[in-house]
N, C-alpha and C. Protein backbone atom coordinates (compact mmCIF):
# COMPACT_ATOMS: atom_id res chain seq x y z
N MET A 1 1.26 9.69 -3.51
CA MET A 1 0.83 8.40 -3.21
C MET A 1 0.83 7.27 -5.11
N LEU A 2 1.45 6.45 -4.84
CA LEU A 2 1.86 5.77 -5.52
C LEU A 2 0.55 4.54 -5.80
N ILE A 3 -0.53 4.45 -6.56
CA ILE A 3 -1.67 3.37 -6.94
C ILE A 3 -1.16 2.49 -7.49
N VAL A 4 -0.75 1.32 -7.46
CA VAL A 4 -0.48 -0.36 -8.24
C VAL A 4 -1.46 -1.29 -8.47
N PHE A 5 -2.22 -1.31 -9.81
CA PHE A 5 -2.97 -2.41 -9.92
C PHE A 5 -1.81 -3.38 -10.32
N ALA A 6 -1.87 -4.87 -9.66
CA ALA A 6 -1.91 -5.79 -10.42
C ALA A 6 -2.52 -6.93 -10.36
N GLY A 7 -2.23 -8.05 -11.38
CA GLY A 7 -2.96 -9.40 -11.42
C GLY A 7 -2.41 -9.95 -12.30
N PRO A 8 -3.39 -10.88 -12.67
CA PRO A 8 -3.46 -11.90 -14.22
C PRO A 8 -4.14 -11.07 -15.17
N PRO A 9 -3.64 -11.32 -16.61
CA PRO A 9 -4.31 -11.16 -17.57
C PRO A 9 -5.94 -11.01 -17.56
N CYS A 10 -6.77 -10.18 -18.00
CA CYS A 10 -7.95 -10.57 -18.35
C CYS A 10 -8.95 -10.19 -16.42
N ALA A 11 -8.18 -9.59 -15.54
CA ALA A 11 -8.54 -9.77 -14.00
C ALA A 11 -8.98 -8.10 -13.96
N GLY A 12 -9.74 -7.24 -15.01
CA GLY A 12 -9.76 -5.92 -14.79
C GLY A 12 -9.01 -4.96 -14.53
N LYS A 13 -7.90 -5.37 -14.69
CA LYS A 13 -6.61 -3.67 -14.10
C LYS A 13 -6.51 -3.05 -14.49
N SER A 14 -6.52 -2.72 -16.19
CA SER A 14 -6.78 -1.49 -16.64
C SER A 14 -7.85 -0.79 -16.66
N THR A 15 -9.25 -1.89 -16.72
CA THR A 15 -10.55 -0.92 -16.16
C THR A 15 -11.10 -0.21 -15.41
N LEU A 16 -10.32 -0.77 -14.14
CA LEU A 16 -10.42 -0.23 -13.18
C LEU A 16 -9.40 1.26 -13.05
N ALA A 17 -8.17 0.94 -13.56
CA ALA A 17 -6.98 1.85 -13.26
C ALA A 17 -7.20 3.32 -13.92
N THR A 18 -7.83 2.83 -14.95
CA THR A 18 -8.36 3.83 -15.89
C THR A 18 -9.66 4.49 -15.47
N GLU A 19 -10.61 3.67 -15.09
CA GLU A 19 -11.66 4.74 -14.10
C GLU A 19 -11.11 5.51 -13.09
N LEU A 20 -10.17 4.60 -12.06
CA LEU A 20 -9.69 5.83 -11.22
C LEU A 20 -8.74 6.80 -11.39
N ALA A 21 -8.37 6.57 -12.83
CA ALA A 21 -7.50 7.83 -12.94
C ALA A 21 -8.32 9.04 -13.35
N ARG A 22 -9.10 8.48 -14.39
CA ARG A 22 -10.54 9.84 -14.91
C ARG A 22 -11.13 10.32 -13.47
N ARG A 23 -11.38 9.14 -12.38
CA ARG A 23 -12.02 10.25 -11.39
C ARG A 23 -10.86 11.29 -10.51
N ARG A 24 -9.77 10.41 -10.42
CA ARG A 24 -9.07 11.35 -9.44
C ARG A 24 -8.26 11.86 -10.06
N ASN A 25 -8.15 12.17 -11.91
CA ASN A 25 -7.67 13.21 -12.67
C ASN A 25 -5.62 12.91 -12.30
N LEU A 26 -5.48 11.80 -12.30
CA LEU A 26 -3.68 11.03 -12.17
C LEU A 26 -3.42 10.15 -13.14
N PRO A 27 -2.30 10.48 -13.73
CA PRO A 27 -1.66 9.89 -15.10
C PRO A 27 -1.77 8.31 -14.65
N VAL A 28 -1.87 7.63 -15.83
CA VAL A 28 -2.05 6.10 -15.94
C VAL A 28 -0.68 6.06 -16.21
N LEU A 29 0.23 5.10 -16.01
CA LEU A 29 1.82 4.07 -16.15
C LEU A 29 0.63 3.19 -17.01
N SER A 30 1.19 2.10 -17.82
CA SER A 30 0.66 1.00 -17.85
C SER A 30 1.94 0.15 -18.69
N MET A 31 2.73 -0.88 -18.39
CA MET A 31 3.69 -1.52 -18.67
C MET A 31 3.27 -2.33 -20.38
N ASP A 32 2.43 -2.25 -20.94
CA ASP A 32 1.87 -2.45 -22.10
C ASP A 32 2.00 -1.35 -22.94
N ALA A 33 1.44 -0.01 -22.33
CA ALA A 33 1.50 0.68 -22.91
C ALA A 33 2.84 1.33 -23.46
N THR A 34 4.13 1.57 -21.96
CA THR A 34 5.44 1.82 -21.89
C THR A 34 5.68 0.66 -22.76
N ARG A 35 6.05 -0.71 -23.10
CA ARG A 35 6.60 -1.35 -23.86
C ARG A 35 6.23 -1.02 -25.02
N ARG A 36 5.04 -0.60 -25.28
CA ARG A 36 4.77 -0.35 -26.78
C ARG A 36 5.65 0.90 -27.84
N ARG A 37 5.33 2.15 -26.45
CA ARG A 37 5.95 3.25 -26.50
C ARG A 37 7.63 2.57 -27.40
N ILE A 38 8.27 2.10 -26.49
CA ILE A 38 9.60 2.54 -26.43
C ILE A 38 10.14 1.14 -26.92
N LEU A 39 9.55 0.29 -27.72
CA LEU A 39 10.34 -1.00 -28.01
C LEU A 39 8.91 -0.91 -28.91
N PRO A 40 8.57 -0.45 -29.98
CA PRO A 40 7.39 -0.73 -31.17
C PRO A 40 7.75 -2.02 -31.79
N ALA A 41 8.63 -1.74 -32.08
CA ALA A 41 8.64 -3.24 -33.18
C ALA A 41 9.19 -4.65 -32.07
N ALA A 42 9.44 -4.16 -31.16
CA ALA A 42 9.99 -6.02 -30.21
C ALA A 42 8.66 -6.60 -29.96
N ALA A 43 9.04 -8.25 -30.06
CA ALA A 43 8.58 -8.92 -29.64
C ALA A 43 8.36 -8.93 -27.93
N HIS A 44 7.06 -9.65 -27.46
CA HIS A 44 6.57 -8.98 -26.38
C HIS A 44 7.55 -10.36 -25.78
N THR A 45 8.78 -10.36 -25.35
CA THR A 45 9.63 -11.41 -24.24
C THR A 45 9.71 -10.79 -23.10
N ARG A 46 10.27 -11.13 -22.22
CA ARG A 46 10.24 -11.75 -20.84
C ARG A 46 10.99 -9.99 -20.58
N ALA A 47 12.44 -10.03 -21.12
CA ALA A 47 13.37 -8.89 -21.63
C ALA A 47 12.47 -7.47 -21.95
N ASP A 48 12.24 -7.81 -22.74
CA ASP A 48 11.31 -6.59 -23.52
C ASP A 48 10.23 -6.08 -22.34
N ARG A 49 9.22 -6.90 -21.69
CA ARG A 49 8.91 -6.22 -20.23
C ARG A 49 9.36 -5.52 -19.26
N GLN A 50 10.36 -6.75 -18.90
CA GLN A 50 11.96 -6.08 -17.85
C GLN A 50 11.82 -4.28 -18.51
N VAL A 51 12.28 -4.43 -19.46
CA VAL A 51 12.70 -2.72 -19.73
C VAL A 51 11.64 -1.11 -19.81
N ALA A 52 9.88 -2.47 -20.47
CA ALA A 52 8.79 -1.26 -19.61
C ALA A 52 8.86 -1.34 -18.39
N TYR A 53 8.86 -2.06 -17.76
CA TYR A 53 8.76 -1.70 -16.43
C TYR A 53 9.88 -0.94 -15.56
N ARG A 54 10.70 -1.39 -15.71
CA ARG A 54 12.19 -0.21 -15.34
C ARG A 54 11.74 1.23 -16.09
N ALA A 55 11.51 1.04 -17.36
CA ALA A 55 10.64 2.65 -18.14
C ALA A 55 10.04 2.84 -17.25
N MET A 56 8.76 2.51 -16.88
CA MET A 56 7.13 2.86 -16.18
C MET A 56 7.89 3.24 -14.32
N HIS A 57 8.70 2.35 -14.21
CA HIS A 57 9.40 2.60 -12.65
C HIS A 57 10.06 4.32 -12.41
N MET A 58 10.45 4.22 -14.08
CA MET A 58 11.76 5.39 -13.93
C MET A 58 11.01 6.53 -13.95
N ALA A 59 9.71 6.62 -14.77
CA ALA A 59 8.87 7.91 -14.98
C ALA A 59 7.81 7.74 -13.20
N ALA A 60 7.60 6.92 -12.96
CA ALA A 60 7.01 6.87 -11.86
C ALA A 60 7.42 7.62 -10.58
N GLY A 61 8.66 7.16 -10.24
CA GLY A 61 9.84 8.03 -9.70
C GLY A 61 9.93 8.83 -10.07
N LEU A 62 10.39 9.71 -11.35
CA LEU A 62 10.51 11.44 -11.22
C LEU A 62 8.86 11.87 -11.19
N LEU A 63 7.52 11.76 -11.06
CA LEU A 63 6.14 12.12 -10.75
C LEU A 63 6.86 12.17 -9.57
N LEU A 64 7.00 11.34 -8.60
CA LEU A 64 6.63 11.00 -6.92
C LEU A 64 7.75 12.16 -6.66
N ARG A 65 8.99 11.92 -6.70
CA ARG A 65 9.88 13.45 -6.70
C ARG A 65 9.30 14.28 -6.66
N ALA A 66 8.48 14.54 -7.61
CA ALA A 66 8.01 15.90 -8.28
C ALA A 66 6.73 16.42 -7.76
N GLY A 67 6.54 15.40 -6.50
CA GLY A 67 4.97 15.96 -5.93
C GLY A 67 4.24 15.44 -6.19
N ALA A 68 3.58 14.49 -6.94
CA ALA A 68 2.93 14.49 -7.84
C ALA A 68 2.43 12.67 -7.65
N ALA A 69 1.15 12.42 -7.97
CA ALA A 69 0.67 10.87 -7.62
C ALA A 69 0.67 9.85 -8.80
N ALA A 70 0.68 8.88 -9.50
CA ALA A 70 0.43 8.77 -10.63
C ALA A 70 -0.16 6.59 -9.60
N ILE A 71 -0.33 6.58 -11.09
CA ILE A 71 -1.20 5.03 -11.39
C ILE A 71 -0.63 4.17 -12.25
N LEU A 72 -0.13 2.95 -11.22
CA LEU A 72 0.71 1.68 -12.34
C LEU A 72 -0.25 0.67 -12.58
N ASP A 73 -0.34 -0.12 -13.68
CA ASP A 73 -1.07 -1.19 -14.37
C ASP A 73 -0.16 -2.11 -14.97
N ALA A 74 -0.43 -2.80 -14.27
CA ALA A 74 1.03 -4.20 -14.87
C ALA A 74 0.61 -5.25 -13.90
N PRO A 75 1.27 -6.76 -14.59
CA PRO A 75 1.03 -7.44 -13.82
C PRO A 75 1.86 -8.02 -12.89
N TYR A 76 3.15 -7.62 -12.45
CA TYR A 76 3.59 -7.82 -11.11
C TYR A 76 3.63 -9.08 -10.61
N GLY A 77 3.77 -10.24 -11.79
CA GLY A 77 3.73 -11.52 -11.44
C GLY A 77 5.25 -12.32 -10.71
N HIS A 78 6.60 -11.31 -11.54
CA HIS A 78 7.19 -11.61 -11.33
C HIS A 78 8.34 -10.96 -9.90
N ALA A 79 8.79 -11.59 -8.75
CA ALA A 79 9.22 -11.26 -7.82
C ALA A 79 10.20 -10.14 -8.13
N GLU A 80 11.22 -10.09 -9.19
CA GLU A 80 11.98 -8.95 -9.49
C GLU A 80 11.09 -7.42 -9.94
N ASP A 81 10.17 -7.54 -10.40
CA ASP A 81 9.56 -6.75 -11.14
C ASP A 81 8.66 -6.02 -9.84
N ARG A 82 8.18 -6.64 -9.17
CA ARG A 82 7.56 -6.38 -7.44
C ARG A 82 8.63 -6.32 -6.49
N ASP A 83 10.08 -6.24 -6.65
CA ASP A 83 11.44 -5.76 -6.03
C ASP A 83 11.45 -4.47 -6.92
N ASP A 84 11.79 -4.13 -7.83
CA ASP A 84 11.99 -3.26 -8.54
C ASP A 84 10.53 -2.07 -8.20
N LEU A 85 9.16 -2.41 -8.25
CA LEU A 85 8.75 -1.50 -7.68
C LEU A 85 8.74 -0.54 -6.39
N ALA A 86 9.35 -2.21 -4.96
CA ALA A 86 9.22 -1.64 -3.76
C ALA A 86 10.47 -0.31 -3.85
N GLN A 87 11.74 -0.55 -4.33
CA GLN A 87 12.92 0.63 -4.61
C GLN A 87 12.36 2.28 -5.20
N THR A 88 11.19 1.63 -6.23
CA THR A 88 11.04 2.97 -6.81
C THR A 88 10.19 3.53 -6.11
N ALA A 89 8.92 2.64 -5.38
CA ALA A 89 7.90 3.67 -4.15
C ALA A 89 8.55 3.75 -2.72
N ALA A 90 10.27 3.71 -2.69
CA ALA A 90 10.55 3.61 -1.26
C ALA A 90 10.66 5.25 -0.71
N GLY A 91 9.58 5.15 0.44
CA GLY A 91 9.52 6.57 1.00
C GLY A 91 8.35 7.31 0.90
N ALA A 92 7.54 6.10 -0.15
CA ALA A 92 6.15 6.92 -0.96
C ALA A 92 4.96 6.24 -0.15
N ASP A 93 4.19 6.84 -0.39
CA ASP A 93 2.73 5.84 0.01
C ASP A 93 2.34 5.37 -1.01
N LEU A 94 2.82 4.09 -0.89
CA LEU A 94 2.76 2.66 -2.34
C LEU A 94 1.30 1.98 -1.73
N ARG A 95 0.08 1.97 -2.50
CA ARG A 95 -1.28 1.71 -2.10
C ARG A 95 -1.44 0.33 -3.56
N LEU A 96 -1.28 -0.84 -3.15
CA LEU A 96 -1.09 -1.87 -4.21
C LEU A 96 -2.75 -2.80 -3.91
N ILE A 97 -3.05 -2.66 -5.23
CA ILE A 97 -4.85 -3.06 -5.22
C ILE A 97 -4.27 -4.37 -6.42
N GLU A 98 -4.82 -5.64 -6.10
CA GLU A 98 -4.46 -6.71 -6.76
C GLU A 98 -6.11 -7.44 -7.33
N CYS A 99 -5.88 -7.39 -8.15
CA CYS A 99 -7.15 -7.48 -9.09
C CYS A 99 -7.24 -9.21 -9.00
N ARG A 100 -7.99 -9.83 -8.99
CA ARG A 100 -8.24 -11.43 -8.83
C ARG A 100 -9.05 -11.76 -9.72
N VAL A 101 -9.40 -12.93 -10.20
CA VAL A 101 -10.06 -13.81 -11.28
C VAL A 101 -10.22 -14.95 -11.63
N SER A 102 -11.11 -15.61 -11.56
CA SER A 102 -10.86 -17.05 -12.15
C SER A 102 -10.59 -17.80 -13.34
N PRO A 103 -9.59 -18.72 -13.58
CA PRO A 103 -9.31 -18.93 -14.97
C PRO A 103 -10.74 -18.72 -16.18
N GLU A 104 -11.86 -19.70 -15.62
CA GLU A 104 -12.86 -19.34 -16.19
C GLU A 104 -13.46 -18.37 -16.69
N THR A 105 -13.30 -16.84 -16.06
CA THR A 105 -14.29 -15.52 -16.29
C THR A 105 -12.86 -15.11 -17.15
N ALA A 106 -11.06 -15.23 -16.96
CA ALA A 106 -10.82 -14.82 -17.55
C ALA A 106 -10.49 -15.21 -18.66
N VAL A 107 -11.08 -16.47 -19.08
CA VAL A 107 -11.02 -17.08 -20.44
C VAL A 107 -12.47 -16.37 -21.33
N LEU A 108 -12.98 -16.18 -20.87
CA LEU A 108 -14.14 -15.75 -21.43
C LEU A 108 -13.89 -13.90 -21.40
N ARG A 109 -13.41 -13.42 -20.63
CA ARG A 109 -13.42 -12.13 -20.94
C ARG A 109 -12.36 -12.41 -22.02
N PHE A 110 -11.30 -12.57 -22.16
CA PHE A 110 -10.30 -12.89 -23.24
C PHE A 110 -10.76 -13.07 -24.59
N ARG A 111 -12.28 -14.22 -24.70
CA ARG A 111 -12.83 -14.08 -25.82
C ARG A 111 -13.68 -13.17 -26.58
N ARG A 112 -13.76 -12.47 -25.24
CA ARG A 112 -14.82 -11.38 -25.99
C ARG A 112 -13.97 -9.77 -26.16
N ARG A 113 -12.64 -9.85 -25.86
CA ARG A 113 -12.28 -8.80 -26.17
C ARG A 113 -11.44 -8.74 -27.68
N ALA A 114 -11.45 -7.73 -28.15
CA ALA A 114 -11.34 -8.15 -30.04
C ALA A 114 -9.41 -8.88 -30.02
N PRO A 115 -9.22 -8.91 -30.84
CA PRO A 115 -7.85 -9.41 -30.76
C PRO A 115 -6.26 -7.70 -30.58
N ASP A 116 -5.83 -8.10 -29.38
CA ASP A 116 -4.85 -7.12 -28.86
C ASP A 116 -3.70 -7.12 -29.79
N PRO A 117 -3.17 -6.24 -30.22
CA PRO A 117 -2.24 -6.06 -30.66
C PRO A 117 -0.45 -5.91 -29.66
N ILE A 118 -1.30 -5.12 -28.44
CA ILE A 118 0.13 -5.65 -27.74
C ILE A 118 0.00 -6.64 -27.18
N ARG A 119 -0.46 -7.72 -26.92
CA ARG A 119 -0.24 -9.17 -26.11
C ARG A 119 -0.80 -9.59 -27.76
N LEU A 120 -0.23 -10.12 -28.95
CA LEU A 120 -0.12 -11.24 -29.78
C LEU A 120 0.07 -12.57 -28.84
N ASP A 121 0.63 -12.75 -28.42
CA ASP A 121 1.16 -13.99 -27.58
C ASP A 121 0.20 -14.71 -26.81
N LEU A 122 -0.70 -13.72 -26.36
CA LEU A 122 -1.30 -14.25 -25.25
C LEU A 122 -3.21 -15.09 -26.13
N THR A 123 -3.51 -16.55 -25.38
CA THR A 123 -3.56 -17.27 -26.05
C THR A 123 -4.95 -17.34 -24.85
N GLU A 124 -5.95 -18.23 -25.28
CA GLU A 124 -6.95 -18.93 -23.81
C GLU A 124 -5.93 -19.69 -23.18
N THR A 125 -5.24 -20.50 -23.40
CA THR A 125 -4.45 -21.63 -22.58
C THR A 125 -2.98 -20.93 -21.50
N LEU A 126 -2.94 -19.72 -22.56
CA LEU A 126 -1.70 -18.98 -21.25
C LEU A 126 -2.70 -17.93 -20.53
N VAL A 127 -3.58 -17.44 -21.15
CA VAL A 127 -4.15 -17.05 -20.24
C VAL A 127 -4.62 -17.43 -18.68
N ARG A 128 -5.24 -18.88 -18.75
CA ARG A 128 -5.71 -19.66 -17.86
C ARG A 128 -4.20 -19.96 -17.13
N GLN A 129 -3.43 -20.59 -17.67
CA GLN A 129 -1.71 -20.49 -17.07
C GLN A 129 -1.14 -19.44 -15.98
N LEU A 130 -1.55 -18.35 -16.74
CA LEU A 130 -1.43 -17.12 -16.09
C LEU A 130 -2.21 -16.98 -14.56
N VAL A 131 -3.19 -16.95 -14.88
CA VAL A 131 -4.35 -16.77 -13.49
C VAL A 131 -4.20 -17.76 -12.47
N LEU A 132 -3.60 -18.86 -12.95
CA LEU A 132 -3.90 -19.84 -12.35
C LEU A 132 -2.21 -19.90 -11.45
N ALA A 133 -1.09 -19.14 -11.94
CA ALA A 133 0.20 -19.31 -11.31
C ALA A 133 0.20 -17.90 -10.41
N PHE A 134 -0.98 -17.26 -11.25
CA PHE A 134 -0.39 -15.10 -10.23
C PHE A 134 0.11 -15.70 -8.99
N PRO A 135 1.11 -15.06 -8.70
CA PRO A 135 1.46 -14.64 -7.44
C PRO A 135 1.32 -13.65 -6.40
N TYR A 136 -0.21 -13.84 -5.99
CA TYR A 136 -0.57 -12.72 -5.29
C TYR A 136 0.21 -12.82 -3.94
N THR A 137 0.43 -11.35 -3.22
CA THR A 137 1.12 -10.74 -2.77
C THR A 137 0.02 -10.83 -1.35
N HIS A 138 -1.01 -10.71 -1.52
CA HIS A 138 -2.18 -9.77 -0.15
C HIS A 138 -1.63 -8.80 0.75
N ALA A 139 -0.71 -7.94 0.06
CA ALA A 139 -0.52 -6.81 0.66
C ALA A 139 -0.78 -5.65 0.96
N GLY A 140 -1.83 -5.40 0.27
CA GLY A 140 -2.73 -4.30 -0.32
C GLY A 140 -4.09 -5.13 -0.19
N LEU A 141 -5.12 -4.44 -0.68
CA LEU A 141 -6.43 -4.58 -1.70
C LEU A 141 -6.31 -5.45 -2.57
N LEU A 142 -7.09 -6.61 -1.60
CA LEU A 142 -7.56 -7.80 -2.76
C LEU A 142 -9.42 -7.80 -3.41
N LEU A 143 -8.98 -7.45 -4.93
CA LEU A 143 -10.55 -7.52 -5.24
C LEU A 143 -10.77 -8.60 -6.25
N ASP A 144 -11.82 -8.89 -5.81
CA ASP A 144 -12.51 -10.05 -6.45
C ASP A 144 -13.46 -9.49 -7.72
N THR A 145 -12.20 -9.35 -9.09
CA THR A 145 -13.29 -8.72 -9.90
C THR A 145 -14.39 -9.36 -10.59
N GLU A 146 -14.16 -10.94 -10.21
CA GLU A 146 -15.27 -12.08 -11.02
C GLU A 146 -16.61 -11.41 -9.87
N ILE A 147 -16.37 -11.76 -8.77
CA ILE A 147 -17.83 -11.52 -8.04
C ILE A 147 -18.46 -9.67 -8.11
N HIS A 148 -17.55 -8.97 -7.62
CA HIS A 148 -17.73 -7.40 -7.69
C HIS A 148 -18.16 -7.16 -8.80
N SER A 149 -18.77 -6.18 -9.25
CA SER A 149 -19.03 -5.36 -10.51
C SER A 149 -17.66 -4.39 -10.09
N PRO A 150 -17.03 -3.40 -11.27
CA PRO A 150 -16.72 -2.17 -11.73
C PRO A 150 -16.88 -1.34 -10.51
N SER A 151 -18.28 -1.07 -10.96
CA SER A 151 -18.67 0.23 -9.58
C SER A 151 -18.28 -0.29 -8.42
N GLU A 152 -18.65 -1.49 -7.81
CA GLU A 152 -18.57 -1.96 -6.88
C GLU A 152 -16.73 -2.25 -6.19
N CYS A 153 -15.72 -2.58 -7.27
CA CYS A 153 -14.73 -2.75 -7.33
C CYS A 153 -14.08 -1.34 -6.40
N LEU A 154 -14.65 -0.64 -7.37
CA LEU A 154 -14.23 1.28 -7.15
C LEU A 154 -14.49 1.78 -6.28
N GLU A 155 -15.68 1.44 -5.19
CA GLU A 155 -15.93 1.88 -3.72
C GLU A 155 -15.10 1.14 -2.93
N GLN A 156 -15.13 -0.20 -3.46
CA GLN A 156 -13.95 -0.32 -2.35
C GLN A 156 -12.56 0.22 -2.61
N ILE A 157 -11.82 0.50 -4.19
CA ILE A 157 -10.61 1.13 -3.76
C ILE A 157 -11.05 2.07 -3.42
N GLU A 158 -11.63 3.02 -3.24
CA GLU A 158 -11.65 4.46 -2.95
C GLU A 158 -11.72 4.47 -1.11
N SER A 159 -12.70 3.80 -0.72
CA SER A 159 -12.48 2.80 1.01
C SER A 159 -11.12 2.91 1.16
N PHE A 160 -10.18 2.05 0.27
CA PHE A 160 -8.66 1.74 0.23
C PHE A 160 -8.20 3.37 0.83
N LEU A 161 -8.27 3.66 -0.57
CA LEU A 161 -7.62 5.00 -0.44
C LEU A 161 -7.20 5.96 0.72
N ASP A 162 -8.81 6.17 0.45
CA ASP A 162 -9.39 7.11 1.91
C ASP A 162 -9.90 6.82 2.69
N PRO A 163 -9.97 6.07 3.86
CA PRO A 163 -10.37 4.92 4.66
C PRO A 163 -10.85 6.34 6.04
N PRO A 164 -12.50 6.40 6.08
CA PRO A 164 -13.01 6.84 6.99
C PRO A 164 -12.54 7.19 8.29
N THR A 165 -12.22 8.07 8.06
CA THR A 165 -11.71 8.80 9.90
C THR A 165 -12.86 8.73 10.55
N PRO A 166 -12.33 7.91 11.75
CA PRO A 166 -13.33 7.81 13.24
C PRO A 166 -13.62 8.73 13.83
């Protein structure tokens, strides 16, 4: 199984992915962490992110071929990143979890964060723009992380991943 957390900045992807990984003892592959590891001195450009997505997808593909499950944590705001994900997950049980948040809540969450050494380019204005423009696919579970607490979101995720049998 490949569990994918997608959504705009400050929507709760990393929080939920990390907790689910802890609960299920699964590896988490984060696009930002991957970019930082393989391109430590690079700017946070679209080209850098594309390299990180490819590296993250390659690692996920290796895990899937070895029979292991994994969790991916990335925005997936560009069609080409979603297309590459679909190729990586071909034949696998792909579970997409999209995290939704309002621009106002995303900006408040951004203000509460310490400065992000990974996303130096992120500003309140950019957070707002990215939230407003995020292309939700509605292809899996859509979580409103503004309305539901992290524990409520995790309950929904667990039900989505392991639906009750009749």
